[in-house]
Amino acid sequence: MGLETKPLSTLHEKASYNVEDFAVPTGREEEWRFTPLSRLKGLHSGAATSGSVAVHVDAAPEVTVETVGRDDQRLGKAYVPADRVSAQAYAAFEKATVLTVAREVVASKPTVITFTGSGEGHAYGHTVVKLEPMAEAVVVLDHQGSAVYADNVEFVVGEGATLKVVSLQDWADDTVHVSHHHAQLAKDATFRSFVVTLGGDLVRLSPSVSYAGPGGDAELIGLYFVDAGQHLEHRLLVDHSQPNCKSNVAYKGALQGQDAHAVWIGDVIIRVEAEGTDTYELNRNLLLTDGARADSVPNLEILTGEVAGAGHASASGRLDDEHIFYLQARGIPFEDARRLVIRGFFAQLLEKIELPELRERVLAKVEAELEK
């Protein structure tokens, strides 16, 4: 399977299952210019060595879980790799995990997939989550341990189905993780994604959405906290190619320490045939100390004049001195006031995590970061 292209748009037009269709990145390419290639440990150049990441699934009783080989016909149907690392991951994984929720079935509890790195070698993975028409499920992707890992995740959401996903990147400090998450939405399907990125040395996560029928509704929410020396990068793409679909993107991050670096790229395409699209994307970054850097690049490409709404907003700045002063004037010490303001910055997003135990875990991690 070779190179695929889509006409008209200038964003994300190259896709292929073949690694050789992508040149080794040099850092001068637009899609790689923010990523420190020297820290990828060979994932981008083919110099990676063999390793493994253990996959454990705690599934709802209504969810079918399978471990399949590369020849399974369900793999690679919703997503075609969009860069060299993604293509390398697709070419190199040995076993894939496939989750299926049958037609009109509502899962009684969240299904948790835990990925645990052993710290040895380089690993590649592939996961497919498929909801048949009118099904409903919640899936948690929990990443732990130490690894050099590249993977692709396909979310196939059937007609009228609802899928909610939480992806938690809680890696050890030395981990390198490059991942693509792609959701394909059928007619009137609903997709809700919440990404939390806290751990790792370098994490580059690329969530994307495409529509296979009208009436699809996608919400992509993200929260990240970047410490000294960390590079956390989120590159989003929402490709509107069907009429009367919706998308909403909101990512927020806080950064502290020397050379803490966050990158957020938000690309939205509204193609000629996507009349009635309603879309908005937002990114906010809170710089808590000197030496931290946030790059935020929203891109909106509109190829039809018949849209219901389209917009974007991006801002990076420091803590508001007036907010801190207001709290201190009421007897609250500076550190406590600072913590309250940062909590407030993330509060609206945290409320969208519907699993209380996971929400508390994320909040505890943020509190631990503030204690540094």
Protein backbone atom coordinates (compact mmCIF):
# COMPACT_ATOMS: atom_id res chain seq x y z
CA MET A 1 0.00 0.00 0.00
CA GLY A 2 1.64 3.18 -1.19
CA LEU A 3 1.23 6.91 -1.08
CA GLU A 4 -2.21 8.48 -0.71
CA THR A 5 -3.12 12.13 -1.22
CA LYS A 6 -6.20 14.32 -0.97
CA PRO A 7 -6.70 17.29 -3.32
CA LEU A 8 -7.16 20.99 -2.58
CA SER A 9 -5.99 21.39 1.01
CA THR A 10 -2.41 22.32 1.92
CA LEU A 11 -2.52 20.61 5.35
CA HIS A 12 -1.55 16.98 6.00
CA GLU A 13 -1.86 15.73 2.46
CA LYS A 14 0.75 12.97 2.54
CA ALA A 15 -0.17 9.54 3.88
CA SER A 16 1.28 6.08 3.30
CA TYR A 17 1.77 2.69 4.95
CA ASN A 18 5.25 2.52 3.39
CA VAL A 19 8.12 3.89 5.49
CA GLU A 20 10.19 4.63 2.39
CA ASP A 21 7.59 7.10 1.13
CA PHE A 22 8.74 9.44 3.90
CA ALA A 23 12.24 10.92 3.95
CA VAL A 24 14.18 10.83 7.21
CA PRO A 25 13.31 14.13 8.94
CA THR A 26 16.04 16.75 9.22
CA GLY A 27 14.19 19.22 11.42
CA ARG A 28 13.70 21.71 8.60
CA GLU A 29 10.31 20.28 7.64
CA GLU A 30 7.26 22.16 8.90
CA GLU A 31 5.90 19.07 10.69
CA TRP A 32 9.21 18.43 12.47
CA ARG A 33 10.66 21.89 13.09
CA PHE A 34 9.65 22.01 16.75
CA THR A 35 10.66 18.45 17.63
CA PRO A 36 14.23 17.86 18.96
CA LEU A 37 15.13 14.96 16.66
CA SER A 38 18.30 14.14 18.59
CA ARG A 39 16.12 13.08 21.53
CA LEU A 40 13.95 10.65 19.54
CA LYS A 41 16.53 7.87 20.04
CA GLY A 42 16.28 6.63 16.47
CA LEU A 43 12.49 6.38 16.16
CA HIS A 44 12.54 8.76 13.18
CA SER A 45 15.56 7.33 11.35
CA GLY A 46 15.06 3.57 11.52
CA ALA A 47 17.96 3.10 13.93
CA ALA A 48 15.70 1.75 16.66
CA THR A 49 16.39 -1.59 18.34
CA SER A 50 13.93 -4.27 19.42
CA GLY A 51 12.05 -3.96 22.70
CA SER A 52 8.57 -4.32 24.15
CA VAL A 53 5.76 -2.54 25.96
CA ALA A 54 3.38 -4.80 27.88
CA VAL A 55 -0.34 -4.34 27.14
CA HIS A 56 -2.95 -5.31 29.72
CA VAL A 57 -6.69 -4.87 29.20
CA ASP A 58 -9.25 -4.66 31.99
CA ALA A 59 -12.39 -4.73 29.87
CA ALA A 60 -16.04 -4.20 30.53
CA PRO A 61 -17.89 -7.54 30.19
CA GLU A 62 -19.66 -6.28 27.07
CA VAL A 63 -16.38 -5.51 25.26
CA THR A 64 -14.67 -8.13 23.10
CA VAL A 65 -10.86 -8.07 23.40
CA GLU A 66 -8.58 -9.75 20.88
CA THR A 67 -4.83 -9.92 20.29
CA VAL A 68 -4.29 -10.33 16.55
CA GLY A 69 -1.48 -10.57 14.04
CA ARG A 70 -0.50 -8.12 11.35
CA ASP A 71 -2.70 -9.81 8.75
CA ASP A 72 -5.96 -9.01 10.52
CA GLN A 73 -8.20 -7.21 8.02
CA ARG A 74 -9.46 -4.68 10.58
CA LEU A 75 -6.07 -3.02 11.00
CA GLY A 76 -5.24 0.14 9.11
CA LYS A 77 -8.75 0.66 7.74
CA ALA A 78 -9.50 3.96 9.47
CA TYR A 79 -6.04 5.53 9.49
CA VAL A 80 -3.13 5.79 7.06
CA PRO A 81 0.20 6.86 8.64
CA ALA A 82 0.95 10.53 8.11
CA ASP A 83 4.68 10.69 8.86
CA ARG A 84 7.76 8.47 8.97
CA VAL A 85 7.53 7.48 12.64
CA SER A 86 3.87 6.54 12.29
CA ALA A 87 4.66 4.48 9.18
CA GLN A 88 7.57 2.82 10.99
CA ALA A 89 5.26 1.91 13.87
CA TYR A 90 2.74 0.43 11.43
CA ALA A 91 5.44 -1.58 9.67
CA ALA A 92 7.13 -2.87 12.82
CA PHE A 93 4.44 -3.91 15.34
CA GLU A 94 4.04 -7.66 15.80
CA LYS A 95 0.71 -7.95 17.63
CA ALA A 96 -2.24 -5.57 17.79
CA THR A 97 -4.99 -5.16 20.37
CA VAL A 98 -8.55 -4.96 19.00
CA LEU A 99 -11.53 -3.94 21.15
CA THR A 100 -15.05 -4.32 19.76
CA VAL A 101 -18.40 -3.18 21.15
CA ALA A 102 -21.32 -4.79 19.37
CA ARG A 103 -24.28 -3.01 17.85
CA GLU A 104 -26.52 -1.15 20.37
CA VAL A 105 -24.46 -2.42 23.34
CA VAL A 106 -23.74 0.00 26.18
CA ALA A 107 -20.60 -0.92 28.14
CA SER A 108 -21.34 -1.11 31.87
CA LYS A 109 -17.95 0.18 33.00
CA PRO A 110 -14.83 1.80 31.49
CA THR A 111 -12.36 -0.44 29.69
CA VAL A 112 -8.78 0.30 30.77
CA ILE A 113 -5.80 -0.50 28.54
CA THR A 114 -2.53 -0.21 30.45
CA PHE A 115 0.71 0.15 28.50
CA THR A 116 3.78 -0.53 30.67
CA GLY A 117 7.31 0.05 29.41
CA SER A 118 10.17 -2.14 30.65
CA GLY A 119 12.93 0.31 29.77
CA GLU A 120 14.54 -2.05 27.27
CA GLY A 121 14.98 -1.33 23.56
CA HIS A 122 12.45 0.29 21.24
CA ALA A 123 8.86 -0.83 20.96
CA TYR A 124 6.03 -0.43 18.46
CA GLY A 125 2.31 -0.95 18.93
CA HIS A 126 -1.10 -0.83 17.30
CA THR A 127 -4.57 -0.60 18.88
CA VAL A 128 -8.04 -0.58 17.34
CA VAL A 129 -11.21 0.38 19.23
CA LYS A 130 -14.33 -0.29 17.17
CA LEU A 131 -17.88 0.64 18.15
CA GLU A 132 -20.62 -0.75 15.97
CA PRO A 133 -23.75 1.37 15.30
CA MET A 134 -25.55 2.80 18.36
CA ALA A 135 -22.99 1.34 20.80
CA GLU A 136 -21.56 3.29 23.75
CA ALA A 137 -18.28 2.85 25.63
CA VAL A 138 -15.60 4.56 27.70
CA VAL A 139 -11.95 3.59 27.10
CA VAL A 140 -8.91 4.64 29.14
CA LEU A 141 -5.37 4.42 27.72
CA ASP A 142 -2.94 4.46 30.66
CA HIS A 143 0.77 4.76 29.80
CA GLN A 144 3.32 3.94 32.52
CA GLY A 145 6.91 2.86 33.00
CA SER A 146 10.00 3.61 30.91
CA ALA A 147 10.07 3.14 27.15
CA VAL A 148 11.06 4.30 23.70
CA TYR A 149 7.72 3.70 22.02
CA ALA A 150 5.88 4.54 18.79
CA ASP A 151 2.32 3.45 18.11
CA ASN A 152 -0.91 4.10 16.24
CA VAL A 153 -4.41 3.96 17.74
CA GLU A 154 -7.54 3.74 15.57
CA PHE A 155 -10.96 4.66 16.95
CA VAL A 156 -13.74 3.52 14.62
CA VAL A 157 -17.05 4.99 15.78
CA GLY A 158 -20.10 3.55 14.01
CA GLU A 159 -23.33 5.27 13.04
CA GLY A 160 -24.99 6.88 16.06
CA ALA A 161 -22.38 5.42 18.44
CA THR A 162 -20.70 7.29 21.31
CA LEU A 163 -17.08 6.75 22.33
CA LYS A 164 -15.34 8.54 25.19
CA VAL A 165 -11.57 8.14 25.51
CA VAL A 166 -9.11 9.27 28.17
CA SER A 167 -5.41 8.95 27.28
CA LEU A 168 -3.04 9.43 30.21
CA GLN A 169 0.69 9.82 29.47
CA ASP A 170 2.15 9.21 32.93
CA TRP A 171 5.52 7.89 31.77
CA ALA A 172 8.80 7.79 33.67
CA ASP A 173 11.11 10.75 33.17
CA ASP A 174 13.31 9.08 30.53
CA THR A 175 10.56 7.93 28.17
CA VAL A 176 10.24 8.87 24.50
CA HIS A 177 6.74 8.35 23.08
CA VAL A 178 5.51 9.23 19.58
CA SER A 179 1.87 8.35 18.95
CA HIS A 180 -0.97 8.95 16.51
CA HIS A 181 -4.59 8.69 17.64
CA HIS A 182 -7.14 8.75 14.83
CA ALA A 183 -10.92 8.76 15.17
CA GLN A 184 -13.15 7.99 12.20
CA LEU A 185 -16.75 9.05 12.78
CA ALA A 186 -19.71 7.59 10.88
CA LYS A 187 -23.05 9.38 10.48
CA ASP A 188 -24.27 11.02 13.72
CA ALA A 189 -21.40 9.48 15.72
CA THR A 190 -20.05 11.17 18.87
CA PHE A 191 -16.41 11.15 19.95
CA ARG A 192 -15.03 12.66 23.16
CA SER A 193 -11.27 12.62 23.79
CA PHE A 194 -9.42 13.79 26.90
CA VAL A 195 -5.62 13.75 26.70
CA VAL A 196 -3.50 14.24 29.84
CA THR A 197 0.27 14.46 29.30
CA LEU A 198 2.45 14.73 32.39
CA GLY A 199 5.41 12.34 32.18
CA GLY A 200 8.21 11.49 29.78
CA ASP A 201 11.32 13.16 28.45
CA LEU A 202 9.82 13.70 24.99
CA VAL A 203 6.18 12.99 24.13
CA ARG A 204 4.76 13.82 20.71
CA LEU A 205 1.07 12.95 20.43
CA SER A 206 -0.98 13.54 17.26
CA PRO A 207 -4.76 13.19 17.69
CA SER A 208 -6.81 13.45 14.49
CA VAL A 209 -10.44 13.14 13.43
CA SER A 210 -12.11 12.39 10.10
CA TYR A 211 -15.78 12.08 9.21
CA ALA A 212 -17.31 9.27 7.15
CA GLY A 213 -20.85 10.65 7.25
CA PRO A 214 -22.84 13.78 8.15
CA GLY A 215 -23.77 14.76 11.70
CA GLY A 216 -20.55 13.68 13.42
CA ASP A 217 -19.60 15.45 16.67
CA ALA A 218 -16.03 15.47 18.04
CA GLU A 219 -14.61 17.11 21.16
CA LEU A 220 -10.86 17.02 21.80
CA ILE A 221 -9.76 18.19 25.25
CA GLY A 222 -6.17 18.23 26.54
CA LEU A 223 -4.21 19.07 29.67
CA TYR A 224 -0.43 19.05 30.05
CA PHE A 225 2.14 20.10 32.66
CA VAL A 226 5.72 20.57 31.47
CA ASP A 227 8.73 20.46 33.80
CA ALA A 228 12.33 21.57 33.29
CA GLY A 229 13.88 19.89 30.25
CA GLN A 230 10.68 18.18 29.13
CA HIS A 231 9.36 18.43 25.57
CA LEU A 232 5.62 17.78 25.29
CA GLU A 233 4.11 18.21 21.83
CA HIS A 234 0.49 17.86 20.70
CA ARG A 235 -0.34 18.07 17.00
CA LEU A 236 -4.05 17.96 16.21
CA LEU A 237 -5.88 17.61 12.91
CA VAL A 238 -9.65 17.76 12.36
CA ASP A 239 -10.54 17.07 8.74
CA HIS A 240 -14.11 18.13 7.92
CA SER A 241 -15.11 16.42 4.68
CA GLN A 242 -18.81 15.78 5.41
CA PRO A 243 -21.71 18.25 5.83
CA ASN A 244 -23.19 19.38 9.15
CA CYS A 245 -20.46 18.05 11.46
CA LYS A 246 -19.09 19.62 14.63
CA SER A 247 -15.69 19.79 16.31
CA ASN A 248 -14.43 21.53 19.41
CA VAL A 249 -10.79 21.55 20.53
CA ALA A 250 -9.54 22.94 23.87
CA TYR A 251 -6.03 22.30 25.20
CA LYS A 252 -4.42 23.96 28.22
CA GLY A 253 -0.91 23.61 29.60
CA ALA A 254 1.30 24.90 32.39
CA LEU A 255 5.10 25.09 32.15
CA GLN A 256 7.82 25.54 34.76
CA GLY A 257 11.61 25.26 34.83
CA GLN A 258 14.51 25.84 32.49
CA ASP A 259 13.95 24.53 28.93
CA ALA A 260 10.44 23.29 29.64
CA HIS A 261 8.95 23.25 26.13
CA ALA A 262 5.36 22.78 25.02
CA VAL A 263 4.25 22.65 21.39
CA TRP A 264 0.62 22.76 20.30
CA ILE A 265 -0.36 22.63 16.64
CA GLY A 266 -4.06 22.78 15.83
CA ASP A 267 -5.03 22.16 12.20
CA VAL A 268 -8.64 22.27 11.03
CA ILE A 269 -9.63 21.71 7.40
CA ILE A 270 -13.14 22.46 6.14
CA ARG A 271 -13.36 20.97 2.67
CA VAL A 272 -15.64 22.13 -0.14
CA GLU A 273 -18.22 19.42 0.54
CA ALA A 274 -18.34 20.13 4.31
CA GLU A 275 -21.15 22.68 4.31
CA GLY A 276 -22.70 23.48 7.68
CA THR A 277 -19.50 22.75 9.64
CA ASP A 278 -19.31 24.19 13.16
CA THR A 279 -15.77 24.19 14.58
CA TYR A 280 -13.63 25.99 17.17
CA GLU A 281 -10.15 25.41 18.60
CA LEU A 282 -8.51 26.91 21.68
CA ASN A 283 -5.05 26.68 23.24
CA ARG A 284 -3.88 28.38 26.44
CA ASN A 285 -0.44 28.14 28.04
CA LEU A 286 0.54 29.34 31.51
CA LEU A 287 4.26 30.13 31.91
CA LEU A 288 5.05 29.76 35.61
CA THR A 289 8.81 30.48 35.54
CA ASP A 290 11.51 32.00 33.40
CA GLY A 291 13.19 29.65 30.93
CA ALA A 292 9.95 27.94 29.83
CA ARG A 293 8.75 28.16 26.23
CA ALA A 294 5.40 27.50 24.59
CA ASP A 295 4.83 27.36 20.83
CA SER A 296 1.17 27.52 19.80
CA VAL A 297 0.12 27.46 16.14
CA PRO A 298 -3.59 27.27 15.21
CA ASN A 299 -4.36 26.75 11.50
CA LEU A 300 -7.82 27.00 9.98
CA GLU A 301 -8.27 26.25 6.28
CA ILE A 302 -11.76 26.91 4.94
CA LEU A 303 -12.60 25.81 1.41
CA THR A 304 -16.34 26.58 1.47
CA GLY A 305 -18.27 29.69 2.39
CA GLU A 306 -21.22 27.72 3.79
CA VAL A 307 -20.16 27.16 7.41
CA ALA A 308 -22.16 27.45 10.63
CA GLY A 309 -19.13 28.67 12.58
CA ALA A 310 -15.35 28.53 12.51
CA GLY A 311 -12.75 30.12 14.75
CA HIS A 312 -9.65 29.71 16.86
CA ALA A 313 -7.83 31.34 19.76
CA SER A 314 -4.36 30.94 21.21
CA ALA A 315 -2.56 32.68 24.07
CA SER A 316 0.50 32.16 26.27
CA GLY A 317 1.28 34.24 29.34
CA ARG A 318 2.27 34.41 32.98
CA LEU A 319 0.15 34.20 36.12
CA ASP A 320 -2.10 37.21 36.53
CA ASP A 321 -0.61 39.37 39.30
CA GLU A 322 -4.04 40.83 40.06
CA HIS A 323 -5.45 37.38 40.79
CA ILE A 324 -2.56 36.60 43.14
CA PHE A 325 -2.87 39.99 44.84
CA TYR A 326 -6.61 39.54 45.29
CA LEU A 327 -6.11 36.28 47.15
CA GLN A 328 -3.15 37.54 49.21
CA ALA A 329 -5.19 40.56 50.26
CA ARG A 330 -7.60 38.11 51.85
CA GLY A 331 -4.92 36.45 53.93
CA ILE A 332 -3.97 33.60 51.61
CA PRO A 333 -0.18 32.99 51.44
CA PHE A 334 1.53 33.42 48.07
CA GLU A 335 2.16 29.71 47.37
CA ASP A 336 -1.41 28.78 48.25
CA ALA A 337 -2.72 31.64 46.11
CA ARG A 338 -0.56 30.49 43.21
CA ARG A 339 -1.85 26.94 43.56
CA LEU A 340 -5.47 28.11 43.61
CA VAL A 341 -5.02 30.17 40.44
CA ILE A 342 -3.45 27.25 38.59
CA ARG A 343 -6.18 24.92 39.80
CA GLY A 344 -8.72 27.38 38.46
CA PHE A 345 -6.88 27.47 35.12
CA PHE A 346 -7.36 23.70 34.74
CA ALA A 347 -10.69 23.33 36.58
CA GLN A 348 -13.05 23.59 33.60
CA LEU A 349 -11.13 20.90 31.75
CA LEU A 350 -10.80 18.57 34.75
CA GLU A 351 -14.57 18.60 35.18
CA LYS A 352 -14.86 16.89 31.81
CA ILE A 353 -13.11 13.76 33.14
CA GLU A 354 -16.20 11.79 34.11
CA LEU A 355 -14.30 9.10 36.06
CA PRO A 356 -13.82 10.44 39.63
CA GLU A 357 -10.84 8.22 40.48
CA LEU A 358 -9.02 9.27 37.32
CA ARG A 359 -9.85 12.93 37.86
CA GLU A 360 -8.41 12.73 41.39
CA ARG A 361 -5.29 11.01 40.09
CA VAL A 362 -4.68 13.76 37.53
CA LEU A 363 -5.33 16.48 40.11
CA ALA A 364 -2.87 14.83 42.51
CA LYS A 365 -0.25 14.74 39.76
CA VAL A 366 -0.75 18.46 39.06
CA GLU A 367 -0.45 19.21 42.78
CA ALA A 368 2.79 17.22 42.91
CA GLU A 369 4.15 19.25 39.99
CA LEU A 370 3.34 22.48 41.84
CA GLU A 371 5.19 21.23 44.91
CA LYS A 372 8.39 21.20 42.84
